Amino acid sequence: MARRRKGRPVSGVLLLNKSSGMTSNDALQQAKRLFYVAKAGHTGSLDPLATGVLPLCFGEATKFSQFLLDADKRYRTTYRLGAFTTTGDVDGELLEQVSAAHITREQILAALEVFRGDIEQVPPMYSALKHNGEPLYKLARQGIEIDRPARPVTIYSIELLDFRAGEQAEVDLDIHCSKGTYIRSIAEDLGKALGCGAHVAVLHRSEAGPFKEDATVTLDELREERGEGLAEVLDHHLLPTDSPVQALPAMALEDTSAYYFRLGNPVMDPQVYRIGDEGDMVRVFAENGDFLGIGVLDDEGRVAPKRLVVQPAEQ
């Protein structure tokens, strides 16, 4: 017999502003306790060093976390020139330090050109990617280096915000990129291009998919708001369950069709031909506004369930 989950059957998305010094899982577990939810998951790790937008999915929203894992991201970062570290960031051990006093703003601007658009990037050893089932960072800690094939990523924009010259010059950048982009790898590659090394000193995620930092809340703010009260006082921070897929078109089914759709059956609906083409995904709602899940359109005018959510009355 399956053990019943401890916590409330709450569904929705929390936009957390993660603080530096904690792992994404630490942040998730603390938020889970504050909201006293039965089920929760994050949507892609931020390094302990990093701060910023970390969407957390509660309850039925966890079924759509992959959409946020696959979403584009935006970062503000500071690269420190003149130093190589084991991890590509300030948390790693210093390997070598050289003067970056000769580096100019013009050299930075010229070097950044090669990072725009579709590029190939070698993932860092200190990453969660796996080799034969073992995370690379665990191998790196043992002094083991594995060949990592370059992977395609897209840098939609990389803009110089500020440059501070000196022995350890600093570069502030705004980077809008595709999923799977390692900001630390850009730092190391930029350092190689400049001939002086570089690593990440500061990293802040300002956007994750459709979510921006101005809508986030910190753990400290949540703790203060809850105080000694019940977890329910925090629920107003949760975005709707369909928030991770809000970019998909929506359709509402009449009651009979909604009933069969909930049971996992494809249903006919004249809206299908107006909304999209065969294979397109849509958000499906009941007439009363209940979110039923994600459906896929076919060429026969039907929408078939792809991922269904459990309605609150059934939990």
C-alpha atoms as a PDB file:
ATOM      1  CA  MET A   1       0.000   0.000   0.000  1.00  0.00           C
ATOM      2  CA  ALA A   2       1.400   3.379  -1.039  1.00  0.00           C
ATOM      3  CA  ARG A   3       2.283   5.739   1.776  1.00  0.00           C
ATOM      4  CA  ARG A   4       0.197   8.892   1.824  1.00  0.00           C
ATOM      5  CA  ARG A   5       2.127  12.101   1.179  1.00  0.00           C
ATOM      6  CA  LYS A   6       2.511  14.508   4.057  1.00  0.00           C
ATOM      7  CA  GLY A   7       1.317  18.011   3.323  1.00  0.00           C
ATOM      8  CA  ARG A   8      -1.413  19.918   1.542  1.00  0.00           C
ATOM      9  CA  PRO A   9      -2.568  19.047  -2.010  1.00  0.00           C
ATOM     10  CA  VAL A  10      -1.783  22.545  -3.246  1.00  0.00           C
ATOM     11  CA  SER A  11      -1.062  23.220  -6.935  1.00  0.00           C
ATOM     12  CA  GLY A  12       0.558  26.246  -8.536  1.00  0.00           C
ATOM     13  CA  VAL A  13       3.872  27.921  -9.333  1.00  0.00           C
ATOM     14  CA  LEU A  14       5.957  29.926  -6.893  1.00  0.00           C
ATOM     15  CA  LEU A  15       8.437  32.393  -8.372  1.00  0.00           C
ATOM     16  CA  LEU A  16      11.260  32.316  -5.860  1.00  0.00           C
ATOM     17  CA  ASN A  17      14.179  34.732  -5.838  1.00  0.00           C
ATOM     18  CA  LYS A  18      16.907  32.344  -4.692  1.00  0.00           C
ATOM     19  CA  SER A  19      19.595  33.793  -2.469  1.00  0.00           C
ATOM     20  CA  SER A  20      23.293  33.056  -2.911  1.00  0.00           C
ATOM     21  CA  GLY A  21      24.933  30.247  -0.959  1.00  0.00           C
ATOM     22  CA  MET A  22      22.173  27.649  -1.161  1.00  0.00           C
ATOM     23  CA  THR A  23      21.478  24.901  -3.661  1.00  0.00           C
ATOM     24  CA  SER A  24      18.264  24.899  -5.667  1.00  0.00           C
ATOM     25  CA  ASN A  25      17.150  21.802  -3.784  1.00  0.00           C
ATOM     26  CA  ASP A  26      17.745  23.533  -0.431  1.00  0.00           C
ATOM     27  CA  ALA A  27      15.559  26.409  -1.615  1.00  0.00           C
ATOM     28  CA  LEU A  28      12.897  23.971  -2.805  1.00  0.00           C
ATOM     29  CA  GLN A  29      12.771  22.094   0.492  1.00  0.00           C
ATOM     30  CA  GLN A  30      12.506  25.295   2.527  1.00  0.00           C
ATOM     31  CA  ALA A  31       9.682  26.599   0.331  1.00  0.00           C
ATOM     32  CA  LYS A  32       7.954  23.225   0.510  1.00  0.00           C
ATOM     33  CA  ARG A  33       7.971  23.378   4.302  1.00  0.00           C
ATOM     34  CA  LEU A  34       6.754  26.976   4.390  1.00  0.00           C
ATOM     35  CA  PHE A  35       3.782  26.147   2.148  1.00  0.00           C
ATOM     36  CA  TYR A  36       3.375  22.679   3.705  1.00  0.00           C
ATOM     37  CA  VAL A  37       2.790  21.126   0.286  1.00  0.00           C
ATOM     38  CA  ALA A  38       2.739  17.410  -0.425  1.00  0.00           C
ATOM     39  CA  LYS A  39       4.551  17.544  -3.753  1.00  0.00           C
ATOM     40  CA  ALA A  40       7.036  20.042  -5.190  1.00  0.00           C
ATOM     41  CA  GLY A  41       9.832  20.299  -7.728  1.00  0.00           C
ATOM     42  CA  HIS A  42      12.118  22.940  -9.190  1.00  0.00           C
ATOM     43  CA  THR A  43      12.557  23.684 -12.870  1.00  0.00           C
ATOM     44  CA  GLY A  44      16.314  23.540 -13.398  1.00  0.00           C
ATOM     45  CA  SER A  45      19.127  24.121 -10.949  1.00  0.00           C
ATOM     46  CA  LEU A  46      20.840  27.401 -10.225  1.00  0.00           C
ATOM     47  CA  ASP A  47      24.410  27.173  -8.937  1.00  0.00           C
ATOM     48  CA  PRO A  48      24.758  27.863  -5.181  1.00  0.00           C
ATOM     49  CA  LEU A  49      26.589  31.076  -6.113  1.00  0.00           C
ATOM     50  CA  ALA A  50      23.656  32.276  -8.232  1.00  0.00           C
ATOM     51  CA  THR A  51      20.668  34.350  -7.215  1.00  0.00           C
ATOM     52  CA  GLY A  52      17.432  35.116  -8.984  1.00  0.00           C
ATOM     53  CA  VAL A  53      14.413  33.559 -10.657  1.00  0.00           C
ATOM     54  CA  LEU A  54      13.809  29.949  -9.608  1.00  0.00           C
ATOM     55  CA  PRO A  55      10.280  28.790 -10.492  1.00  0.00           C
ATOM     56  CA  LEU A  56       9.032  26.083  -8.119  1.00  0.00           C
ATOM     57  CA  CYS A  57       6.140  23.851  -9.142  1.00  0.00           C
ATOM     58  CA  PHE A  58       3.731  22.550  -6.509  1.00  0.00           C
ATOM     59  CA  GLY A  59       1.266  19.691  -6.850  1.00  0.00           C
ATOM     60  CA  GLU A  60      -0.216  19.228 -10.326  1.00  0.00           C
ATOM     61  CA  ALA A  61       2.012  21.992 -11.735  1.00  0.00           C
ATOM     62  CA  THR A  62       4.982  19.604 -11.464  1.00  0.00           C
ATOM     63  CA  LYS A  63       3.552  17.806 -14.506  1.00  0.00           C
ATOM     64  CA  PHE A  64       4.518  20.820 -16.620  1.00  0.00           C
ATOM     65  CA  SER A  65       7.944  21.621 -15.165  1.00  0.00           C
ATOM     66  CA  GLN A  66       9.663  20.290 -18.304  1.00  0.00           C
ATOM     67  CA  PHE A  67       8.322  23.271 -20.246  1.00  0.00           C
ATOM     68  CA  LEU A  68      10.291  25.573 -17.933  1.00  0.00           C
ATOM     69  CA  LEU A  69      13.365  23.352 -18.050  1.00  0.00           C
ATOM     70  CA  ASP A  70      13.299  23.769 -21.834  1.00  0.00           C
ATOM     71  CA  ALA A  71      12.649  27.521 -21.720  1.00  0.00           C
ATOM     72  CA  ASP A  72      15.068  30.331 -22.546  1.00  0.00           C
ATOM     73  CA  LYS A  73      16.827  32.118 -19.692  1.00  0.00           C
ATOM     74  CA  ARG A  74      18.326  35.575 -19.050  1.00  0.00           C
ATOM     75  CA  TYR A  75      21.220  36.384 -16.714  1.00  0.00           C
ATOM     76  CA  ARG A  76      23.161  39.356 -15.395  1.00  0.00           C
ATOM     77  CA  THR A  77      26.679  38.323 -14.540  1.00  0.00           C
ATOM     78  CA  THR A  78      30.060  39.722 -13.550  1.00  0.00           C
ATOM     79  CA  TYR A  79      33.176  38.070 -14.965  1.00  0.00           C
ATOM     80  CA  ARG A  80      36.490  38.652 -13.181  1.00  0.00           C
ATOM     81  CA  LEU A  81      39.446  38.601 -15.545  1.00  0.00           C
ATOM     82  CA  GLY A  82      42.986  37.481 -14.780  1.00  0.00           C
ATOM     83  CA  ALA A  83      42.188  34.325 -12.792  1.00  0.00           C
ATOM     84  CA  PHE A  84      41.473  30.682 -13.620  1.00  0.00           C
ATOM     85  CA  THR A  85      39.521  28.586 -11.074  1.00  0.00           C
ATOM     86  CA  THR A  86      38.707  24.890 -10.900  1.00  0.00           C
ATOM     87  CA  THR A  87      34.962  25.458 -11.270  1.00  0.00           C
ATOM     88  CA  GLY A  88      34.873  28.494 -13.545  1.00  0.00           C
ATOM     89  CA  ASP A  89      33.417  30.598 -10.749  1.00  0.00           C
ATOM     90  CA  VAL A  90      34.476  32.334  -7.560  1.00  0.00           C
ATOM     91  CA  ASP A  91      33.578  29.265  -5.452  1.00  0.00           C
ATOM     92  CA  GLY A  92      36.363  27.203  -7.032  1.00  0.00           C
ATOM     93  CA  GLU A  93      40.020  26.941  -6.110  1.00  0.00           C
ATOM     94  CA  LEU A  94      42.378  29.448  -7.730  1.00  0.00           C
ATOM     95  CA  LEU A  95      44.555  27.712 -10.329  1.00  0.00           C
ATOM     96  CA  GLU A  96      46.445  30.637 -11.814  1.00  0.00           C
ATOM     97  CA  GLN A  97      46.387  34.413 -11.613  1.00  0.00           C
ATOM     98  CA  VAL A  98      47.763  36.858 -14.166  1.00  0.00           C
ATOM     99  CA  SER A  99      47.447  40.580 -14.787  1.00  0.00           C
ATOM    100  CA  ALA A 100      44.460  41.761 -16.827  1.00  0.00           C
ATOM    101  CA  ALA A 101      45.495  45.420 -16.630  1.00  0.00           C
ATOM    102  CA  HIS A 102      46.157  45.559 -20.380  1.00  0.00           C
ATOM    103  CA  ILE A 103      42.605  44.515 -21.323  1.00  0.00           C
ATOM    104  CA  THR A 104      40.476  47.290 -22.815  1.00  0.00           C
ATOM    105  CA  ARG A 105      36.745  47.785 -23.351  1.00  0.00           C
ATOM    106  CA  GLU A 106      37.315  47.568 -27.119  1.00  0.00           C
ATOM    107  CA  GLN A 107      38.963  44.149 -26.737  1.00  0.00           C
ATOM    108  CA  ILE A 108      35.988  42.938 -24.689  1.00  0.00           C
ATOM    109  CA  LEU A 109      33.485  44.147 -27.289  1.00  0.00           C
ATOM    110  CA  ALA A 110      35.426  42.481 -30.100  1.00  0.00           C
ATOM    111  CA  ALA A 111      35.766  39.196 -28.189  1.00  0.00           C
ATOM    112  CA  LEU A 112      32.038  39.044 -27.407  1.00  0.00           C
ATOM    113  CA  GLU A 113      31.122  38.944 -31.099  1.00  0.00           C
ATOM    114  CA  VAL A 114      31.895  35.224 -31.433  1.00  0.00           C
ATOM    115  CA  PHE A 115      29.460  34.348 -28.631  1.00  0.00           C
ATOM    116  CA  ARG A 116      26.354  35.688 -30.382  1.00  0.00           C
ATOM    117  CA  GLY A 117      23.952  33.392 -32.224  1.00  0.00           C
ATOM    118  CA  ASP A 118      24.207  29.602 -32.535  1.00  0.00           C
ATOM    119  CA  ILE A 119      27.430  28.386 -30.948  1.00  0.00           C
ATOM    120  CA  GLU A 120      29.002  25.136 -29.756  1.00  0.00           C
ATOM    121  CA  GLN A 121      29.763  24.979 -26.052  1.00  0.00           C
ATOM    122  CA  VAL A 122      31.701  22.382 -24.037  1.00  0.00           C
ATOM    123  CA  PRO A 123      29.913  21.804 -20.702  1.00  0.00           C
ATOM    124  CA  PRO A 124      32.104  22.335 -17.618  1.00  0.00           C
ATOM    125  CA  MET A 125      33.285  19.366 -15.556  1.00  0.00           C
ATOM    126  CA  TYR A 126      31.621  20.945 -12.536  1.00  0.00           C
ATOM    127  CA  SER A 127      28.100  20.362 -13.829  1.00  0.00           C
ATOM    128  CA  ALA A 128      25.194  18.001 -13.142  1.00  0.00           C
ATOM    129  CA  LEU A 129      25.545  16.280 -16.516  1.00  0.00           C
ATOM    130  CA  LYS A 130      26.109  12.549 -16.127  1.00  0.00           C
ATOM    131  CA  HIS A 131      28.750  10.165 -17.431  1.00  0.00           C
ATOM    132  CA  ASN A 132      27.809   6.486 -17.058  1.00  0.00           C
ATOM    133  CA  GLY A 133      25.202   7.545 -14.493  1.00  0.00           C
ATOM    134  CA  GLU A 134      27.645   9.592 -12.413  1.00  0.00           C
ATOM    135  CA  PRO A 135      27.321  13.411 -12.213  1.00  0.00           C
ATOM    136  CA  LEU A 136      30.363  15.101 -13.713  1.00  0.00           C
ATOM    137  CA  TYR A 137      30.906  17.279 -10.641  1.00  0.00           C
ATOM    138  CA  LYS A 138      31.447  14.151  -8.510  1.00  0.00           C
ATOM    139  CA  LEU A 139      34.103  12.947 -10.932  1.00  0.00           C
ATOM    140  CA  ALA A 140      35.677  16.419 -10.986  1.00  0.00           C
ATOM    141  CA  ARG A 141      35.986  16.379  -7.203  1.00  0.00           C
ATOM    142  CA  GLN A 142      37.981  13.141  -7.548  1.00  0.00           C
ATOM    143  CA  GLY A 143      40.320  14.826 -10.016  1.00  0.00           C
ATOM    144  CA  ILE A 144      38.875  12.894 -12.949  1.00  0.00           C
ATOM    145  CA  GLU A 145      38.348  14.735 -16.234  1.00  0.00           C
ATOM    146  CA  ILE A 146      36.042  13.267 -18.889  1.00  0.00           C
ATOM    147  CA  ASP A 147      35.869  14.236 -22.561  1.00  0.00           C
ATOM    148  CA  ARG A 148      32.694  16.273 -23.027  1.00  0.00           C
ATOM    149  CA  PRO A 149      31.385  16.729 -26.561  1.00  0.00           C
ATOM    150  CA  ALA A 150      30.447  20.283 -27.488  1.00  0.00           C
ATOM    151  CA  ARG A 151      26.718  20.957 -27.532  1.00  0.00           C
ATOM    152  CA  PRO A 152      24.773  23.489 -29.601  1.00  0.00           C
ATOM    153  CA  VAL A 153      23.270  26.427 -27.686  1.00  0.00           C
ATOM    154  CA  THR A 154      21.920  29.783 -28.798  1.00  0.00           C
ATOM    155  CA  ILE A 155      22.980  33.157 -27.406  1.00  0.00           C
ATOM    156  CA  TYR A 156      20.182  35.508 -28.448  1.00  0.00           C
ATOM    157  CA  SER A 157      22.016  38.505 -27.032  1.00  0.00           C
ATOM    158  CA  ILE A 158      25.120  39.215 -24.958  1.00  0.00           C
ATOM    159  CA  GLU A 159      25.511  42.857 -24.014  1.00  0.00           C
ATOM    160  CA  LEU A 160      28.297  44.653 -22.154  1.00  0.00           C
ATOM    161  CA  LEU A 161      26.800  46.602 -19.252  1.00  0.00           C
ATOM    162  CA  ASP A 162      30.025  47.821 -17.653  1.00  0.00           C
ATOM    163  CA  PHE A 163      33.791  47.311 -17.713  1.00  0.00           C
ATOM    164  CA  ARG A 164      36.142  48.106 -14.835  1.00  0.00           C
ATOM    165  CA  ALA A 165      39.803  48.013 -15.856  1.00  0.00           C
ATOM    166  CA  GLY A 166      42.552  46.802 -13.537  1.00  0.00           C
ATOM    167  CA  GLU A 167      44.817  43.917 -12.546  1.00  0.00           C
ATOM    168  CA  GLN A 168      41.643  41.879 -12.043  1.00  0.00           C
ATOM    169  CA  ALA A 169      39.367  43.707 -14.443  1.00  0.00           C
ATOM    170  CA  GLU A 170      35.631  43.044 -14.210  1.00  0.00           C
ATOM    171  CA  VAL A 171      33.037  42.748 -16.947  1.00  0.00           C
ATOM    172  CA  ASP A 172      29.281  43.057 -16.348  1.00  0.00           C
ATOM    173  CA  LEU A 173      27.142  41.336 -18.969  1.00  0.00           C
ATOM    174  CA  ASP A 174      23.478  40.731 -19.745  1.00  0.00           C
ATOM    175  CA  ILE A 175      23.022  37.344 -21.468  1.00  0.00           C
ATOM    176  CA  HIS A 176      19.809  36.001 -23.039  1.00  0.00           C
ATOM    177  CA  CYS A 177      20.292  32.359 -23.980  1.00  0.00           C
ATOM    178  CA  SER A 178      18.697  29.009 -24.753  1.00  0.00           C
ATOM    179  CA  LYS A 179      18.322  26.134 -22.331  1.00  0.00           C
ATOM    180  CA  GLY A 180      21.499  24.247 -21.507  1.00  0.00           C
ATOM    181  CA  THR A 181      23.783  27.298 -21.766  1.00  0.00           C
ATOM    182  CA  TYR A 182      26.541  27.435 -19.159  1.00  0.00           C
ATOM    183  CA  ILE A 183      27.398  31.004 -18.163  1.00  0.00           C
ATOM    184  CA  ARG A 184      30.611  29.696 -16.570  1.00  0.00           C
ATOM    185  CA  SER A 185      31.707  28.227 -19.899  1.00  0.00           C
ATOM    186  CA  ILE A 186      31.216  31.597 -21.593  1.00  0.00           C
ATOM    187  CA  ALA A 187      33.397  33.163 -18.882  1.00  0.00           C
ATOM    188  CA  GLU A 188      36.163  30.611 -19.387  1.00  0.00           C
ATOM    189  CA  ASP A 189      35.990  30.862 -23.183  1.00  0.00           C
ATOM    190  CA  LEU A 190      36.049  34.667 -23.025  1.00  0.00           C
ATOM    191  CA  GLY A 191      39.074  34.497 -20.711  1.00  0.00           C
ATOM    192  CA  LYS A 192      40.870  32.233 -23.192  1.00  0.00           C
ATOM    193  CA  ALA A 193      40.040  34.561 -26.079  1.00  0.00           C
ATOM    194  CA  LEU A 194      41.516  37.490 -24.124  1.00  0.00           C
ATOM    195  CA  GLY A 195      44.539  35.452 -23.043  1.00  0.00           C
ATOM    196  CA  CYS A 196      44.139  36.208 -19.344  1.00  0.00           C
ATOM    197  CA  GLY A 197      41.562  33.762 -17.970  1.00  0.00           C
ATOM    198  CA  ALA A 198      38.213  34.614 -16.414  1.00  0.00           C
ATOM    199  CA  HIS A 199      35.643  33.241 -14.015  1.00  0.00           C
ATOM    200  CA  VAL A 200      32.140  34.090 -12.781  1.00  0.00           C
ATOM    201  CA  ALA A 201      32.155  36.373  -9.742  1.00  0.00           C
ATOM    202  CA  VAL A 202      28.429  37.193  -9.668  1.00  0.00           C
ATOM    203  CA  LEU A 203      25.490  35.443 -11.337  1.00  0.00           C
ATOM    204  CA  HIS A 204      21.838  36.492 -11.249  1.00  0.00           C
ATOM    205  CA  ARG A 205      19.015  34.947 -13.287  1.00  0.00           C
ATOM    206  CA  SER A 206      16.609  37.728 -14.232  1.00  0.00           C
ATOM    207  CA  GLU A 207      14.238  35.689 -16.418  1.00  0.00           C
ATOM    208  CA  ALA A 208      13.201  32.047 -16.791  1.00  0.00           C
ATOM    209  CA  GLY A 209      10.844  31.437 -19.685  1.00  0.00           C
ATOM    210  CA  PRO A 210       7.877  33.822 -19.268  1.00  0.00           C
ATOM    211  CA  PHE A 211       8.784  34.700 -15.673  1.00  0.00           C
ATOM    212  CA  LYS A 212      10.690  37.844 -14.685  1.00  0.00           C
ATOM    213  CA  GLU A 213      12.429  38.805 -11.445  1.00  0.00           C
ATOM    214  CA  ASP A 214       9.998  41.623 -10.572  1.00  0.00           C
ATOM    215  CA  ALA A 215       7.360  38.977  -9.777  1.00  0.00           C
ATOM    216  CA  THR A 216       9.566  36.955  -7.406  1.00  0.00           C
ATOM    217  CA  VAL A 217       9.560  36.627  -3.630  1.00  0.00           C
ATOM    218  CA  THR A 218      12.389  35.598  -1.282  1.00  0.00           C
ATOM    219  CA  LEU A 219      12.337  32.904   1.391  1.00  0.00           C
ATOM    220  CA  ASP A 220      12.927  35.569   4.047  1.00  0.00           C
ATOM    221  CA  GLU A 221       9.866  37.491   2.849  1.00  0.00           C
ATOM    222  CA  LEU A 222       7.777  34.311   2.962  1.00  0.00           C
ATOM    223  CA  ARG A 223       8.967  33.471   6.482  1.00  0.00           C
ATOM    224  CA  GLU A 224       8.153  36.955   7.717  1.00  0.00           C
ATOM    225  CA  GLU A 225       4.714  36.919   6.110  1.00  0.00           C
ATOM    226  CA  ARG A 226       3.788  33.519   7.500  1.00  0.00           C
ATOM    227  CA  GLY A 227       5.169  34.096  10.976  1.00  0.00           C
ATOM    228  CA  GLU A 228       3.394  31.706  13.333  1.00  0.00           C
ATOM    229  CA  GLY A 229       0.343  31.484  11.068  1.00  0.00           C
ATOM    230  CA  LEU A 230      -0.935  28.732   8.808  1.00  0.00           C
ATOM    231  CA  ALA A 231       0.636  27.959   5.444  1.00  0.00           C
ATOM    232  CA  GLU A 232      -2.563  29.069   3.686  1.00  0.00           C
ATOM    233  CA  VAL A 233      -1.642  32.739   4.208  1.00  0.00           C
ATOM    234  CA  LEU A 234       1.070  32.316   1.551  1.00  0.00           C
ATOM    235  CA  ASP A 235      -1.118  30.784  -1.158  1.00  0.00           C
ATOM    236  CA  HIS A 236      -1.770  34.130  -2.837  1.00  0.00           C
ATOM    237  CA  HIS A 237       1.841  34.015  -4.087  1.00  0.00           C
ATOM    238  CA  LEU A 238       1.083  30.972  -6.253  1.00  0.00           C
ATOM    239  CA  LEU A 239       0.514  31.399  -9.964  1.00  0.00           C
ATOM    240  CA  PRO A 240      -2.041  29.129 -11.713  1.00  0.00           C
ATOM    241  CA  THR A 241      -1.170  25.509 -12.482  1.00  0.00           C
ATOM    242  CA  ASP A 242      -1.058  26.219 -16.217  1.00  0.00           C
ATOM    243  CA  SER A 243       1.506  29.047 -15.801  1.00  0.00           C
ATOM    244  CA  PRO A 244       4.426  26.945 -17.159  1.00  0.00           C
ATOM    245  CA  VAL A 245       2.491  26.450 -20.421  1.00  0.00           C
ATOM    246  CA  GLN A 246       0.849  29.855 -20.675  1.00  0.00           C
ATOM    247  CA  ALA A 247       2.343  30.380 -24.134  1.00  0.00           C
ATOM    248  CA  LEU A 248       0.146  27.590 -25.544  1.00  0.00           C
ATOM    249  CA  PRO A 249      -3.255  28.544 -27.009  1.00  0.00           C
ATOM    250  CA  ALA A 250      -6.268  27.767 -24.831  1.00  0.00           C
ATOM    251  CA  MET A 251      -9.571  26.067 -25.623  1.00  0.00           C
ATOM    252  CA  ALA A 252     -12.628  25.400 -23.461  1.00  0.00           C
ATOM    253  CA  LEU A 253     -14.645  22.195 -23.868  1.00  0.00           C
ATOM    254  CA  GLU A 254     -18.359  21.913 -23.261  1.00  0.00           C
ATOM    255  CA  ASP A 255     -19.308  19.745 -20.282  1.00  0.00           C
ATOM    256  CA  THR A 256     -19.814  16.403 -22.063  1.00  0.00           C
ATOM    257  CA  SER A 257     -16.540  16.665 -23.987  1.00  0.00           C
ATOM    258  CA  ALA A 258     -14.719  17.774 -20.836  1.00  0.00           C
ATOM    259  CA  TYR A 259     -16.037  14.685 -19.025  1.00  0.00           C
ATOM    260  CA  TYR A 260     -14.605  12.299 -21.642  1.00  0.00           C
ATOM    261  CA  PHE A 261     -11.385  14.292 -21.984  1.00  0.00           C
ATOM    262  CA  ARG A 262     -10.835  13.913 -18.223  1.00  0.00           C
ATOM    263  CA  LEU A 263     -11.153  10.143 -18.689  1.00  0.00           C
ATOM    264  CA  GLY A 264      -8.321  10.206 -21.202  1.00  0.00           C
ATOM    265  CA  ASN A 265     -10.357  10.112 -24.417  1.00  0.00           C
ATOM    266  CA  PRO A 266      -9.824  12.254 -27.550  1.00  0.00           C
ATOM    267  CA  VAL A 267     -12.854  14.456 -28.195  1.00  0.00           C
ATOM    268  CA  MET A 268     -14.200  16.237 -31.273  1.00  0.00           C
ATOM    269  CA  ASP A 269     -14.454  20.021 -31.162  1.00  0.00           C
ATOM    270  CA  PRO A 270     -14.934  22.575 -33.953  1.00  0.00           C
ATOM    271  CA  GLN A 271     -12.371  24.873 -32.295  1.00  0.00           C
ATOM    272  CA  VAL A 272      -9.572  22.500 -33.287  1.00  0.00           C
ATOM    273  CA  TYR A 273      -9.444  23.692 -36.896  1.00  0.00           C
ATOM    274  CA  ARG A 274      -9.331  27.334 -35.796  1.00  0.00           C
ATOM    275  CA  ILE A 275      -6.710  26.967 -33.066  1.00  0.00           C
ATOM    276  CA  GLY A 276      -3.882  25.145 -34.785  1.00  0.00           C
ATOM    277  CA  ASP A 277      -2.546  22.306 -36.885  1.00  0.00           C
ATOM    278  CA  GLU A 278      -2.100  18.592 -36.373  1.00  0.00           C
ATOM    279  CA  GLY A 279       0.378  17.905 -33.578  1.00  0.00           C
ATOM    280  CA  ASP A 280       0.019  21.321 -31.929  1.00  0.00           C
ATOM    281  CA  MET A 281      -0.413  21.391 -28.161  1.00  0.00           C
ATOM    282  CA  VAL A 282      -3.090  23.419 -26.399  1.00  0.00           C
ATOM    283  CA  ARG A 283      -4.221  24.184 -22.864  1.00  0.00           C
ATOM    284  CA  VAL A 284      -7.626  22.619 -22.274  1.00  0.00           C
ATOM    285  CA  PHE A 285     -10.216  24.007 -19.862  1.00  0.00           C
ATOM    286  CA  ALA A 286     -13.726  23.075 -18.807  1.00  0.00           C
ATOM    287  CA  GLU A 287     -16.548  25.561 -19.332  1.00  0.00           C
ATOM    288  CA  ASN A 288     -16.330  26.558 -15.668  1.00  0.00           C
ATOM    289  CA  GLY A 289     -12.653  27.531 -16.084  1.00  0.00           C
ATOM    290  CA  ASP A 290     -11.079  24.431 -14.521  1.00  0.00           C
ATOM    291  CA  PHE A 291      -7.734  23.627 -16.138  1.00  0.00           C
ATOM    292  CA  LEU A 292      -7.923  20.051 -17.414  1.00  0.00           C
ATOM    293  CA  GLY A 293      -4.428  19.684 -18.824  1.00  0.00           C
ATOM    294  CA  ILE A 294      -2.539  19.668 -22.125  1.00  0.00           C
ATOM    295  CA  GLY A 295      -4.047  18.292 -25.302  1.00  0.00           C
ATOM    296  CA  VAL A 296      -2.720  17.536 -28.781  1.00  0.00           C
ATOM    297  CA  LEU A 297      -4.676  18.393 -31.931  1.00  0.00           C
ATOM    298  CA  ASP A 298      -5.139  15.874 -34.746  1.00  0.00           C
ATOM    299  CA  ASP A 299      -6.231  16.214 -38.375  1.00  0.00           C
ATOM    300  CA  GLU A 300      -9.692  14.790 -37.659  1.00  0.00           C
ATOM    301  CA  GLY A 301     -10.827  17.734 -35.543  1.00  0.00           C
ATOM    302  CA  ARG A 302     -10.055  16.096 -32.229  1.00  0.00           C
ATOM    303  CA  VAL A 303      -8.019  17.088 -29.193  1.00  0.00           C
ATOM    304  CA  ALA A 304      -6.381  14.184 -27.360  1.00  0.00           C
ATOM    305  CA  PRO A 305      -5.160  14.343 -23.748  1.00  0.00           C
ATOM    306  CA  LYS A 306      -1.380  14.499 -23.404  1.00  0.00           C
ATOM    307  CA  ARG A 307      -1.103  15.379 -19.717  1.00  0.00           C
ATOM    308  CA  LEU A 308      -4.088  15.588 -17.419  1.00  0.00           C
ATOM    309  CA  VAL A 309      -4.335  17.308 -14.042  1.00  0.00           C
ATOM    310  CA  VAL A 310      -6.263  15.988 -11.059  1.00  0.00           C
ATOM    311  CA  GLN A 311      -9.067  18.343 -10.121  1.00  0.00           C
ATOM    312  CA  PRO A 312      -9.108  19.598  -6.489  1.00  0.00           C
ATOM    313  CA  ALA A 313     -12.370  17.785  -5.744  1.00  0.00           C
ATOM    314  CA  GLU A 314     -10.699  14.484  -6.627  1.00  0.00           C
ATOM    315  CA  GLN A 315      -7.638  14.972  -4.406  1.00  0.00           C
END
